[in-house]
Full PDB file with SEQRES, HELIX, SHEET, SSBOND, CRYST1, ORIGX, SCALE, CONECT and MASTER records, all heavy atoms in Angstrom:
SEQRES   1 A   37  GLU PHE TYR GLU ILE ILE SER ALA TYR PRO ASP ILE GLU          
SEQRES   2 A   37  ARG HIS LEU LYS SER VAL GLU PRO VAL MET PRO TRP ILE          
SEQRES   3 A   37  ARG THR GLY ARG LEU GLN ARG SER ALA SER LYS                  
HELIX    1 AA1 PHE A    2  ILE A    6  1                                   5    
HELIX    2 AA2 PRO A   10  LEU A   16  1                                   7    
CRYST1    1.000    1.000    1.000  90.00  90.00  90.00 P 1           1          
ORIGX1      1.000000  0.000000  0.000000        0.00000                         
ORIGX2      0.000000  1.000000  0.000000        0.00000                         
ORIGX3      0.000000  0.000000  1.000000        0.00000                         
SCALE1      1.000000  0.000000  0.000000        0.00000                         
SCALE2      0.000000  1.000000  0.000000        0.00000                         
SCALE3      0.000000  0.000000  1.000000        0.00000                         
ATOM      1  N   GLU A   1     -88.634 -42.474  35.674  1.00  0.00           N  
ATOM      2  CA  GLU A   1     -87.940 -42.935  34.462  1.00  0.00           C  
ATOM      3  C   GLU A   1     -87.682 -44.408  34.484  1.00  0.00           C  
ATOM      4  O   GLU A   1     -87.821 -45.105  33.487  1.00  0.00           O  
ATOM      5  CB  GLU A   1     -86.541 -42.225  34.412  1.00  0.00           C  
ATOM      6  CG  GLU A   1     -85.863 -42.522  33.084  1.00  0.00           C  
ATOM      7  CD  GLU A   1     -84.485 -41.897  32.956  1.00  0.00           C  
ATOM      8  OE1 GLU A   1     -83.909 -41.449  33.970  1.00  0.00           O  
ATOM      9  OE2 GLU A   1     -84.025 -41.800  31.823  1.00  0.00           O  
ATOM     10  N   PHE A   2     -87.438 -45.012  35.712  1.00  0.00           N  
ATOM     11  CA  PHE A   2     -87.290 -46.420  35.839  1.00  0.00           C  
ATOM     12  C   PHE A   2     -88.519 -47.164  35.270  1.00  0.00           C  
ATOM     13  O   PHE A   2     -88.423 -48.026  34.465  1.00  0.00           O  
ATOM     14  CB  PHE A   2     -87.014 -46.788  37.304  1.00  0.00           C  
ATOM     15  CG  PHE A   2     -86.823 -48.285  37.599  1.00  0.00           C  
ATOM     16  CD1 PHE A   2     -85.604 -48.889  37.562  1.00  0.00           C  
ATOM     17  CD2 PHE A   2     -88.005 -49.013  37.885  1.00  0.00           C  
ATOM     18  CE1 PHE A   2     -85.505 -50.210  37.829  1.00  0.00           C  
ATOM     19  CE2 PHE A   2     -87.805 -50.436  38.165  1.00  0.00           C  
ATOM     20  CZ  PHE A   2     -86.572 -50.987  38.109  1.00  0.00           C  
ATOM     21  N   TYR A   3     -89.675 -46.756  35.802  1.00  0.00           N  
ATOM     22  CA  TYR A   3     -90.911 -47.466  35.426  1.00  0.00           C  
ATOM     23  C   TYR A   3     -91.399 -47.135  33.965  1.00  0.00           C  
ATOM     24  O   TYR A   3     -92.002 -47.958  33.262  1.00  0.00           O  
ATOM     25  CB  TYR A   3     -92.018 -47.090  36.454  1.00  0.00           C  
ATOM     26  CG  TYR A   3     -91.833 -47.946  37.674  1.00  0.00           C  
ATOM     27  CD1 TYR A   3     -91.404 -47.347  38.866  1.00  0.00           C  
ATOM     28  CD2 TYR A   3     -92.098 -49.304  37.712  1.00  0.00           C  
ATOM     29  CE1 TYR A   3     -91.160 -48.115  40.052  1.00  0.00           C  
ATOM     30  CE2 TYR A   3     -91.927 -50.041  38.857  1.00  0.00           C  
ATOM     31  CZ  TYR A   3     -91.500 -49.411  40.007  1.00  0.00           C  
ATOM     32  OH  TYR A   3     -91.294 -50.195  41.131  1.00  0.00           O  
ATOM     33  N   GLU A   4     -90.991 -45.922  33.523  1.00  0.00           N  
ATOM     34  CA  GLU A   4     -91.287 -45.631  32.099  1.00  0.00           C  
ATOM     35  C   GLU A   4     -90.519 -46.569  31.173  1.00  0.00           C  
ATOM     36  O   GLU A   4     -91.068 -47.089  30.169  1.00  0.00           O  
ATOM     37  CB  GLU A   4     -90.799 -44.177  31.825  1.00  0.00           C  
ATOM     38  CG  GLU A   4     -90.938 -43.738  30.344  1.00  0.00           C  
ATOM     39  CD  GLU A   4     -92.318 -43.535  29.886  1.00  0.00           C  
ATOM     40  OE1 GLU A   4     -93.270 -43.431  30.655  1.00  0.00           O  
ATOM     41  OE2 GLU A   4     -92.534 -43.563  28.612  1.00  0.00           O  
ATOM     42  N   ILE A   5     -89.294 -46.878  31.484  1.00  0.00           N  
ATOM     43  CA  ILE A   5     -88.417 -47.743  30.660  1.00  0.00           C  
ATOM     44  C   ILE A   5     -88.939 -49.179  30.684  1.00  0.00           C  
ATOM     45  O   ILE A   5     -89.105 -49.851  29.686  1.00  0.00           O  
ATOM     46  CB  ILE A   5     -86.962 -47.627  31.012  1.00  0.00           C  
ATOM     47  CG1 ILE A   5     -86.452 -46.195  30.627  1.00  0.00           C  
ATOM     48  CG2 ILE A   5     -86.111 -48.734  30.367  1.00  0.00           C  
ATOM     49  CD1 ILE A   5     -85.066 -45.902  31.148  1.00  0.00           C  
ATOM     50  N   ILE A   6     -89.232 -49.694  31.903  1.00  0.00           N  
ATOM     51  CA  ILE A   6     -89.613 -51.117  31.978  1.00  0.00           C  
ATOM     52  C   ILE A   6     -91.013 -51.331  31.600  1.00  0.00           C  
ATOM     53  O   ILE A   6     -91.381 -52.486  31.309  1.00  0.00           O  
ATOM     54  CB  ILE A   6     -89.354 -51.644  33.433  1.00  0.00           C  
ATOM     55  CG1 ILE A   6     -90.371 -51.103  34.466  1.00  0.00           C  
ATOM     56  CG2 ILE A   6     -87.941 -51.418  33.898  1.00  0.00           C  
ATOM     57  CD1 ILE A   6     -90.386 -51.879  35.755  1.00  0.00           C  
ATOM     58  N   SER A   7     -91.796 -50.257  31.370  1.00  0.00           N  
ATOM     59  CA  SER A   7     -93.220 -50.497  30.935  1.00  0.00           C  
ATOM     60  C   SER A   7     -93.270 -51.125  29.484  1.00  0.00           C  
ATOM     61  O   SER A   7     -94.306 -51.625  29.118  1.00  0.00           O  
ATOM     62  CB  SER A   7     -93.948 -49.203  30.946  1.00  0.00           C  
ATOM     63  OG  SER A   7     -93.449 -48.289  29.953  1.00  0.00           O  
ATOM     64  N   ALA A   8     -92.163 -51.043  28.754  1.00  0.00           N  
ATOM     65  CA  ALA A   8     -92.135 -51.676  27.439  1.00  0.00           C  
ATOM     66  C   ALA A   8     -91.910 -53.165  27.500  1.00  0.00           C  
ATOM     67  O   ALA A   8     -92.079 -53.810  26.422  1.00  0.00           O  
ATOM     68  CB  ALA A   8     -90.981 -51.017  26.602  1.00  0.00           C  
ATOM     69  N   TYR A   9     -91.674 -53.762  28.694  1.00  0.00           N  
ATOM     70  CA  TYR A   9     -91.331 -55.155  28.821  1.00  0.00           C  
ATOM     71  C   TYR A   9     -92.310 -55.759  29.846  1.00  0.00           C  
ATOM     72  O   TYR A   9     -92.108 -55.621  31.023  1.00  0.00           O  
ATOM     73  CB  TYR A   9     -89.860 -55.315  29.244  1.00  0.00           C  
ATOM     74  CG  TYR A   9     -88.962 -54.694  28.210  1.00  0.00           C  
ATOM     75  CD1 TYR A   9     -88.460 -53.350  28.422  1.00  0.00           C  
ATOM     76  CD2 TYR A   9     -88.628 -55.294  27.019  1.00  0.00           C  
ATOM     77  CE1 TYR A   9     -87.632 -52.749  27.506  1.00  0.00           C  
ATOM     78  CE2 TYR A   9     -87.796 -54.721  26.137  1.00  0.00           C  
ATOM     79  CZ  TYR A   9     -87.309 -53.415  26.356  1.00  0.00           C  
ATOM     80  OH  TYR A   9     -86.516 -52.799  25.388  1.00  0.00           O  
ATOM     81  N   PRO A  10     -93.418 -56.405  29.383  1.00  0.00           N  
ATOM     82  CA  PRO A  10     -94.521 -56.736  30.255  1.00  0.00           C  
ATOM     83  C   PRO A  10     -94.156 -57.588  31.473  1.00  0.00           C  
ATOM     84  O   PRO A  10     -94.628 -57.325  32.530  1.00  0.00           O  
ATOM     85  CB  PRO A  10     -95.463 -57.556  29.260  1.00  0.00           C  
ATOM     86  CG  PRO A  10     -95.091 -57.110  27.930  1.00  0.00           C  
ATOM     87  CD  PRO A  10     -93.610 -56.790  27.909  1.00  0.00           C  
ATOM     88  N   ASP A  11     -93.230 -58.518  31.279  1.00  0.00           N  
ATOM     89  CA  ASP A  11     -92.902 -59.445  32.405  1.00  0.00           C  
ATOM     90  C   ASP A  11     -91.894 -58.846  33.388  1.00  0.00           C  
ATOM     91  O   ASP A  11     -91.790 -59.201  34.539  1.00  0.00           O  
ATOM     92  CB  ASP A  11     -92.486 -60.798  31.998  1.00  0.00           C  
ATOM     93  CG  ASP A  11     -93.719 -61.614  31.535  1.00  0.00           C  
ATOM     94  OD1 ASP A  11     -94.807 -61.472  32.139  1.00  0.00           O  
ATOM     95  OD2 ASP A  11     -93.637 -62.355  30.552  1.00  0.00           O  
ATOM     96  N   ILE A  12     -91.063 -57.876  32.871  1.00  0.00           N  
ATOM     97  CA  ILE A  12     -90.225 -57.101  33.806  1.00  0.00           C  
ATOM     98  C   ILE A  12     -91.141 -56.204  34.656  1.00  0.00           C  
ATOM     99  O   ILE A  12     -90.996 -56.134  35.896  1.00  0.00           O  
ATOM    100  CB  ILE A  12     -89.177 -56.254  33.062  1.00  0.00           C  
ATOM    101  CG1 ILE A  12     -88.243 -57.131  32.266  1.00  0.00           C  
ATOM    102  CG2 ILE A  12     -88.382 -55.431  34.079  1.00  0.00           C  
ATOM    103  CD1 ILE A  12     -87.209 -56.292  31.486  1.00  0.00           C  
ATOM    104  N   GLU A  13     -92.086 -55.578  34.025  1.00  0.00           N  
ATOM    105  CA  GLU A  13     -93.011 -54.657  34.745  1.00  0.00           C  
ATOM    106  C   GLU A  13     -93.789 -55.425  35.770  1.00  0.00           C  
ATOM    107  O   GLU A  13     -93.941 -55.067  36.902  1.00  0.00           O  
ATOM    108  CB  GLU A  13     -93.910 -53.952  33.710  1.00  0.00           C  
ATOM    109  CG  GLU A  13     -94.823 -52.955  34.448  1.00  0.00           C  
ATOM    110  CD  GLU A  13     -95.636 -52.179  33.379  1.00  0.00           C  
ATOM    111  OE1 GLU A  13     -96.203 -52.866  32.515  1.00  0.00           O  
ATOM    112  OE2 GLU A  13     -95.835 -50.994  33.518  1.00  0.00           O  
ATOM    113  N   ARG A  14     -94.262 -56.671  35.342  1.00  0.00           N  
ATOM    114  CA  ARG A  14     -95.029 -57.462  36.241  1.00  0.00           C  
ATOM    115  C   ARG A  14     -94.213 -57.901  37.481  1.00  0.00           C  
ATOM    116  O   ARG A  14     -94.749 -58.022  38.602  1.00  0.00           O  
ATOM    117  CB  ARG A  14     -95.530 -58.743  35.499  1.00  0.00           C  
ATOM    118  CG  ARG A  14     -96.543 -59.539  36.201  1.00  0.00           C  
ATOM    119  CD  ARG A  14     -97.451 -60.385  35.302  1.00  0.00           C  
ATOM    120  NE  ARG A  14     -96.582 -61.352  34.571  1.00  0.00           N  
ATOM    121  CZ  ARG A  14     -96.556 -62.697  34.930  1.00  0.00           C  
ATOM    122  NH1 ARG A  14     -97.250 -63.142  35.932  1.00  0.00           N  
ATOM    123  NH2 ARG A  14     -95.827 -63.536  34.183  1.00  0.00           N  
ATOM    124  N   HIS A  15     -92.875 -58.141  37.236  1.00  0.00           N  
ATOM    125  CA  HIS A  15     -92.066 -58.556  38.327  1.00  0.00           C  
ATOM    126  C   HIS A  15     -91.816 -57.432  39.305  1.00  0.00           C  
ATOM    127  O   HIS A  15     -91.698 -57.690  40.502  1.00  0.00           O  
ATOM    128  CB  HIS A  15     -90.714 -59.116  37.761  1.00  0.00           C  
ATOM    129  CG  HIS A  15     -89.840 -59.734  38.717  1.00  0.00           C  
ATOM    130  ND1 HIS A  15     -88.437 -59.878  38.552  1.00  0.00           N  
ATOM    131  CD2 HIS A  15     -90.052 -60.313  39.918  1.00  0.00           C  
ATOM    132  CE1 HIS A  15     -87.867 -60.481  39.543  1.00  0.00           C  
ATOM    133  NE2 HIS A  15     -88.859 -60.813  40.439  1.00  0.00           N  
ATOM    134  N   LEU A  16     -91.642 -56.267  38.791  1.00  0.00           N  
ATOM    135  CA  LEU A  16     -91.179 -55.157  39.725  1.00  0.00           C  
ATOM    136  C   LEU A  16     -92.207 -54.053  39.970  1.00  0.00           C  
ATOM    137  O   LEU A  16     -91.907 -53.165  40.819  1.00  0.00           O  
ATOM    138  CB  LEU A  16     -89.900 -54.523  39.002  1.00  0.00           C  
ATOM    139  CG  LEU A  16     -88.796 -55.435  38.721  1.00  0.00           C  
ATOM    140  CD1 LEU A  16     -87.686 -54.693  37.941  1.00  0.00           C  
ATOM    141  CD2 LEU A  16     -88.223 -56.030  40.027  1.00  0.00           C  
ATOM    142  N   LYS A  17     -93.339 -54.089  39.454  1.00  0.00           N  
ATOM    143  CA  LYS A  17     -94.275 -53.011  39.626  1.00  0.00           C  
ATOM    144  C   LYS A  17     -94.835 -52.900  41.063  1.00  0.00           C  
ATOM    145  O   LYS A  17     -95.168 -51.822  41.531  1.00  0.00           O  
ATOM    146  CB  LYS A  17     -95.499 -53.143  38.657  1.00  0.00           C  
ATOM    147  CG  LYS A  17     -96.449 -54.307  38.946  1.00  0.00           C  
ATOM    148  CD  LYS A  17     -97.578 -54.330  37.943  1.00  0.00           C  
ATOM    149  CE  LYS A  17     -98.529 -55.515  38.235  1.00  0.00           C  
ATOM    150  NZ  LYS A  17     -99.694 -55.553  37.242  1.00  0.00           N  
ATOM    151  N   SER A  18     -94.894 -53.937  41.828  1.00  0.00           N  
ATOM    152  CA  SER A  18     -95.471 -53.915  43.162  1.00  0.00           C  
ATOM    153  C   SER A  18     -94.435 -53.687  44.240  1.00  0.00           C  
ATOM    154  O   SER A  18     -94.822 -53.591  45.415  1.00  0.00           O  
ATOM    155  CB  SER A  18     -96.267 -55.232  43.375  1.00  0.00           C  
ATOM    156  OG  SER A  18     -95.354 -56.306  43.356  1.00  0.00           O  
ATOM    157  N   VAL A  19     -93.147 -53.647  43.934  1.00  0.00           N  
ATOM    158  CA  VAL A  19     -92.141 -53.461  45.010  1.00  0.00           C  
ATOM    159  C   VAL A  19     -92.181 -52.051  45.507  1.00  0.00           C  
ATOM    160  O   VAL A  19     -92.619 -51.115  44.833  1.00  0.00           O  
ATOM    161  CB  VAL A  19     -90.698 -53.811  44.499  1.00  0.00           C  
ATOM    162  CG1 VAL A  19     -90.601 -55.172  44.022  1.00  0.00           C  
ATOM    163  CG2 VAL A  19     -90.294 -52.834  43.440  1.00  0.00           C  
ATOM    164  N   GLU A  20     -91.829 -51.907  46.783  1.00  0.00           N  
ATOM    165  CA  GLU A  20     -91.839 -50.643  47.465  1.00  0.00           C  
ATOM    166  C   GLU A  20     -90.422 -50.242  47.826  1.00  0.00           C  
ATOM    167  O   GLU A  20     -89.720 -50.953  48.494  1.00  0.00           O  
ATOM    168  CB  GLU A  20     -92.655 -50.637  48.727  1.00  0.00           C  
ATOM    169  CG  GLU A  20     -94.166 -50.844  48.477  1.00  0.00           C  
ATOM    170  CD  GLU A  20     -94.840 -49.623  47.824  1.00  0.00           C  
ATOM    171  OE1 GLU A  20     -94.255 -48.464  47.970  1.00  0.00           O  
ATOM    172  OE2 GLU A  20     -95.817 -49.781  47.126  1.00  0.00           O  
ATOM    173  N   PRO A  21     -89.954 -49.059  47.365  1.00  0.00           N  
ATOM    174  CA  PRO A  21     -88.604 -48.621  47.741  1.00  0.00           C  
ATOM    175  C   PRO A  21     -88.486 -48.306  49.201  1.00  0.00           C  
ATOM    176  O   PRO A  21     -89.421 -47.753  49.788  1.00  0.00           O  
ATOM    177  CB  PRO A  21     -88.395 -47.364  46.856  1.00  0.00           C  
ATOM    178  CG  PRO A  21     -89.759 -46.871  46.561  1.00  0.00           C  
ATOM    179  CD  PRO A  21     -90.620 -48.091  46.514  1.00  0.00           C  
ATOM    180  N   VAL A  22     -87.344 -48.663  49.795  1.00  0.00           N  
ATOM    181  CA  VAL A  22     -87.099 -48.390  51.258  1.00  0.00           C  
ATOM    182  C   VAL A  22     -85.988 -47.399  51.453  1.00  0.00           C  
ATOM    183  O   VAL A  22     -85.580 -47.145  52.552  1.00  0.00           O  
ATOM    184  CB  VAL A  22     -86.841 -49.718  51.941  1.00  0.00           C  
ATOM    185  CG1 VAL A  22     -87.978 -50.678  51.997  1.00  0.00           C  
ATOM    186  CG2 VAL A  22     -85.547 -50.428  51.353  1.00  0.00           C  
ATOM    187  N   MET A  23     -85.556 -46.749  50.362  1.00  0.00           N  
ATOM    188  CA  MET A  23     -84.570 -45.734  50.368  1.00  0.00           C  
ATOM    189  C   MET A  23     -84.782 -44.868  49.102  1.00  0.00           C  
ATOM    190  O   MET A  23     -85.463 -45.360  48.183  1.00  0.00           O  
ATOM    191  CB  MET A  23     -83.163 -46.251  50.411  1.00  0.00           C  
ATOM    192  CG  MET A  23     -82.788 -47.214  49.226  1.00  0.00           C  
ATOM    193  SD  MET A  23     -81.074 -47.725  49.219  1.00  0.00           S  
ATOM    194  CE  MET A  23     -80.364 -46.266  48.372  1.00  0.00           C  
ATOM    195  N   PRO A  24     -84.337 -43.689  49.062  1.00  0.00           N  
ATOM    196  CA  PRO A  24     -84.512 -42.829  47.801  1.00  0.00           C  
ATOM    197  C   PRO A  24     -83.873 -43.471  46.644  1.00  0.00           C  
ATOM    198  O   PRO A  24     -82.819 -44.123  46.767  1.00  0.00           O  
ATOM    199  CB  PRO A  24     -83.766 -41.528  48.194  1.00  0.00           C  
ATOM    200  CG  PRO A  24     -83.788 -41.510  49.665  1.00  0.00           C  
ATOM    201  CD  PRO A  24     -83.590 -42.888  50.131  1.00  0.00           C  
ATOM    202  N   TRP A  25     -84.515 -43.379  45.502  1.00  0.00           N  
ATOM    203  CA  TRP A  25     -83.906 -43.853  44.249  1.00  0.00           C  
ATOM    204  C   TRP A  25     -82.698 -43.069  43.913  1.00  0.00           C  
ATOM    205  O   TRP A  25     -82.595 -41.813  44.170  1.00  0.00           O  
ATOM    206  CB  TRP A  25     -84.905 -43.670  43.143  1.00  0.00           C  
ATOM    207  CG  TRP A  25     -86.020 -44.693  43.121  1.00  0.00           C  
ATOM    208  CD1 TRP A  25     -87.140 -44.587  43.856  1.00  0.00           C  
ATOM    209  CD2 TRP A  25     -86.149 -45.879  42.391  1.00  0.00           C  
ATOM    210  NE1 TRP A  25     -87.968 -45.697  43.624  1.00  0.00           N  
ATOM    211  CE2 TRP A  25     -87.384 -46.486  42.735  1.00  0.00           C  
ATOM    212  CE3 TRP A  25     -85.288 -46.514  41.475  1.00  0.00           C  
ATOM    213  CZ2 TRP A  25     -87.772 -47.622  42.183  1.00  0.00           C  
ATOM    214  CZ3 TRP A  25     -85.693 -47.714  40.885  1.00  0.00           C  
ATOM    215  CH2 TRP A  25     -86.920 -48.296  41.223  1.00  0.00           C  
ATOM    216  N   ILE A  26     -81.615 -43.710  43.428  1.00  0.00           N  
ATOM    217  CA  ILE A  26     -80.382 -43.034  43.010  1.00  0.00           C  
ATOM    218  C   ILE A  26     -80.221 -43.111  41.486  1.00  0.00           C  
ATOM    219  O   ILE A  26     -80.428 -44.189  40.930  1.00  0.00           O  
ATOM    220  CB  ILE A  26     -79.191 -43.747  43.740  1.00  0.00           C  
ATOM    221  CG1 ILE A  26     -79.316 -43.524  45.228  1.00  0.00           C  
ATOM    222  CG2 ILE A  26     -77.871 -43.175  43.181  1.00  0.00           C  
ATOM    223  CD1 ILE A  26     -78.270 -44.333  45.993  1.00  0.00           C  
ATOM    224  N   ARG A  27     -80.014 -42.017  40.873  1.00  0.00           N  
ATOM    225  CA  ARG A  27     -79.798 -41.950  39.440  1.00  0.00           C  
ATOM    226  C   ARG A  27     -78.411 -41.309  39.185  1.00  0.00           C  
ATOM    227  O   ARG A  27     -78.160 -40.218  39.673  1.00  0.00           O  
ATOM    228  CB  ARG A  27     -80.896 -41.134  38.742  1.00  0.00           C  
ATOM    229  CG  ARG A  27     -80.674 -41.022  37.241  1.00  0.00           C  
ATOM    230  CD  ARG A  27     -81.980 -40.530  36.556  1.00  0.00           C  
ATOM    231  NE  ARG A  27     -82.576 -39.362  37.087  1.00  0.00           N  
ATOM    232  CZ  ARG A  27     -83.706 -38.774  36.650  1.00  0.00           C  
ATOM    233  NH1 ARG A  27     -84.348 -39.266  35.688  1.00  0.00           N  
ATOM    234  NH2 ARG A  27     -84.136 -37.652  37.171  1.00  0.00           N  
ATOM    235  N   THR A  28     -77.571 -42.007  38.396  1.00  0.00           N  
ATOM    236  CA  THR A  28     -76.305 -41.568  38.135  1.00  0.00           C  
ATOM    237  C   THR A  28     -76.032 -40.891  36.807  1.00  0.00           C  
ATOM    238  O   THR A  28     -76.882 -41.016  35.960  1.00  0.00           O  
ATOM    239  CB  THR A  28     -75.270 -42.790  38.236  1.00  0.00           C  
ATOM    240  OG1 THR A  28     -75.432 -43.575  36.998  1.00  0.00           O  
ATOM    241  CG2 THR A  28     -75.534 -43.669  39.428  1.00  0.00           C  
ATOM    242  N   GLY A  29     -74.945 -40.256  36.652  1.00  0.00           N  
ATOM    243  CA  GLY A  29     -74.452 -39.885  35.352  1.00  0.00           C  
ATOM    244  C   GLY A  29     -73.612 -41.040  34.806  1.00  0.00           C  
ATOM    245  O   GLY A  29     -73.875 -42.219  35.150  1.00  0.00           O  
ATOM    246  N   ARG A  30     -72.655 -40.727  33.954  1.00  0.00           N  
ATOM    247  CA  ARG A  30     -71.856 -41.845  33.393  1.00  0.00           C  
ATOM    248  C   ARG A  30     -71.083 -42.554  34.486  1.00  0.00           C  
ATOM    249  O   ARG A  30     -70.520 -41.969  35.359  1.00  0.00           O  
ATOM    250  CB  ARG A  30     -70.873 -41.307  32.395  1.00  0.00           C  
ATOM    251  CG  ARG A  30     -70.156 -42.459  31.626  1.00  0.00           C  
ATOM    252  CD  ARG A  30     -69.166 -41.995  30.619  1.00  0.00           C  
ATOM    253  NE  ARG A  30     -68.549 -43.117  29.938  1.00  0.00           N  
ATOM    254  CZ  ARG A  30     -67.569 -43.040  29.098  1.00  0.00           C  
ATOM    255  NH1 ARG A  30     -67.042 -41.910  28.792  1.00  0.00           N  
ATOM    256  NH2 ARG A  30     -67.046 -44.179  28.616  1.00  0.00           N  
ATOM    257  N   LEU A  31     -71.239 -43.907  34.519  1.00  0.00           N  
ATOM    258  CA  LEU A  31     -70.645 -44.777  35.537  1.00  0.00           C  
ATOM    259  C   LEU A  31     -69.119 -44.820  35.402  1.00  0.00           C  
ATOM    260  O   LEU A  31     -68.429 -45.037  36.397  1.00  0.00           O  
ATOM    261  CB  LEU A  31     -71.262 -46.171  35.482  1.00  0.00           C  
ATOM    262  CG  LEU A  31     -72.698 -46.275  35.928  1.00  0.00           C  
ATOM    263  CD1 LEU A  31     -73.204 -47.719  35.575  1.00  0.00           C  
ATOM    264  CD2 LEU A  31     -72.898 -46.063  37.379  1.00  0.00           C  
ATOM    265  N   GLN A  32     -68.621 -44.785  34.156  1.00  0.00           N  
ATOM    266  CA  GLN A  32     -67.202 -45.163  33.933  1.00  0.00           C  
ATOM    267  C   GLN A  32     -66.233 -44.058  34.408  1.00  0.00           C  
ATOM    268  O   GLN A  32     -66.532 -42.856  34.310  1.00  0.00           O  
ATOM    269  CB  GLN A  32     -66.959 -45.421  32.454  1.00  0.00           C  
ATOM    270  CG  GLN A  32     -67.758 -46.624  31.913  1.00  0.00           C  
ATOM    271  CD  GLN A  32     -69.198 -46.541  31.828  1.00  0.00           C  
ATOM    272  OE1 GLN A  32     -69.810 -45.486  31.483  1.00  0.00           O  
ATOM    273  NE2 GLN A  32     -69.882 -47.574  32.309  1.00  0.00           N  
ATOM    274  N   ARG A  33     -65.171 -44.550  34.884  1.00  0.00           N  
ATOM    275  CA  ARG A  33     -64.025 -43.652  35.238  1.00  0.00           C  
ATOM    276  C   ARG A  33     -62.761 -44.430  35.009  1.00  0.00           C  
ATOM    277  O   ARG A  33     -62.727 -45.663  35.153  1.00  0.00           O  
ATOM    278  CB  ARG A  33     -64.122 -43.078  36.634  1.00  0.00           C  
ATOM    279  CG  ARG A  33     -64.092 -44.070  37.731  1.00  0.00           C  
ATOM    280  CD  ARG A  33     -64.069 -43.420  39.100  1.00  0.00           C  
ATOM    281  NE  ARG A  33     -64.097 -44.458  40.143  1.00  0.00           N  
ATOM    282  CZ  ARG A  33     -65.110 -45.082  40.693  1.00  0.00           C  
ATOM    283  NH1 ARG A  33     -66.324 -44.733  40.337  1.00  0.00           N  
ATOM    284  NH2 ARG A  33     -64.985 -45.945  41.668  1.00  0.00           N  
ATOM    285  N   SER A  34     -61.731 -43.696  34.815  1.00  0.00           N  
ATOM    286  CA  SER A  34     -60.358 -44.366  34.585  1.00  0.00           C  
ATOM    287  C   SER A  34     -59.282 -43.409  34.962  1.00  0.00           C  
ATOM    288  O   SER A  34     -59.485 -42.207  35.177  1.00  0.00           O  
ATOM    289  CB  SER A  34     -60.162 -44.839  33.141  1.00  0.00           C  
ATOM    290  OG  SER A  34     -60.181 -43.660  32.264  1.00  0.00           O  
ATOM    291  N   ALA A  35     -58.082 -43.909  35.097  1.00  0.00           N  
ATOM    292  CA  ALA A  35     -56.918 -43.104  35.496  1.00  0.00           C  
ATOM    293  C   ALA A  35     -55.693 -43.570  34.688  1.00  0.00           C  
ATOM    294  O   ALA A  35     -55.625 -44.664  34.164  1.00  0.00           O  
ATOM    295  CB  ALA A  35     -56.655 -43.184  36.938  1.00  0.00           C  
ATOM    296  N   SER A  36     -54.766 -42.699  34.528  1.00  0.00           N  
ATOM    297  CA  SER A  36     -53.516 -43.025  33.788  1.00  0.00           C  
ATOM    298  C   SER A  36     -52.582 -43.887  34.601  1.00  0.00           C  
ATOM    299  O   SER A  36     -51.782 -44.613  34.081  1.00  0.00           O  
ATOM    300  CB  SER A  36     -52.837 -41.677  33.309  1.00  0.00           C  
ATOM    301  OG  SER A  36     -52.489 -40.893  34.433  1.00  0.00           O  
ATOM    302  N   LYS A  37     -52.624 -43.728  35.932  1.00  0.00           N  
ATOM    303  CA  LYS A  37     -51.757 -44.461  36.853  1.00  0.00           C  
ATOM    304  C   LYS A  37     -52.518 -44.778  38.129  1.00  0.00           C  
ATOM    305  O   LYS A  37     -53.437 -44.113  38.498  1.00  0.00           O  
ATOM    306  CB  LYS A  37     -50.530 -43.668  37.182  1.00  0.00           C  
ATOM    307  CG  LYS A  37     -49.538 -43.392  36.023  1.00  0.00           C  
ATOM    308  CD  LYS A  37     -48.335 -42.650  36.562  1.00  0.00           C  
ATOM    309  CE  LYS A  37     -47.534 -43.567  37.577  1.00  0.00           C  
ATOM    310  NZ  LYS A  37     -46.254 -42.888  38.020  1.00  0.00           N  
TER     311      LYS A  37                                                      
MASTER        0    0    0    2    0    0    0    6  310    1    0    3          
END                                                                             
């Protein structure tokens, strides 16, 4: 999904296409959280 999204932007893809992950990719749900107190 990461590479699918950045493929629309040529120079982002050029910058990041050759990197190699050294840990598993992490994909989150919604990042936001809050509390009343």
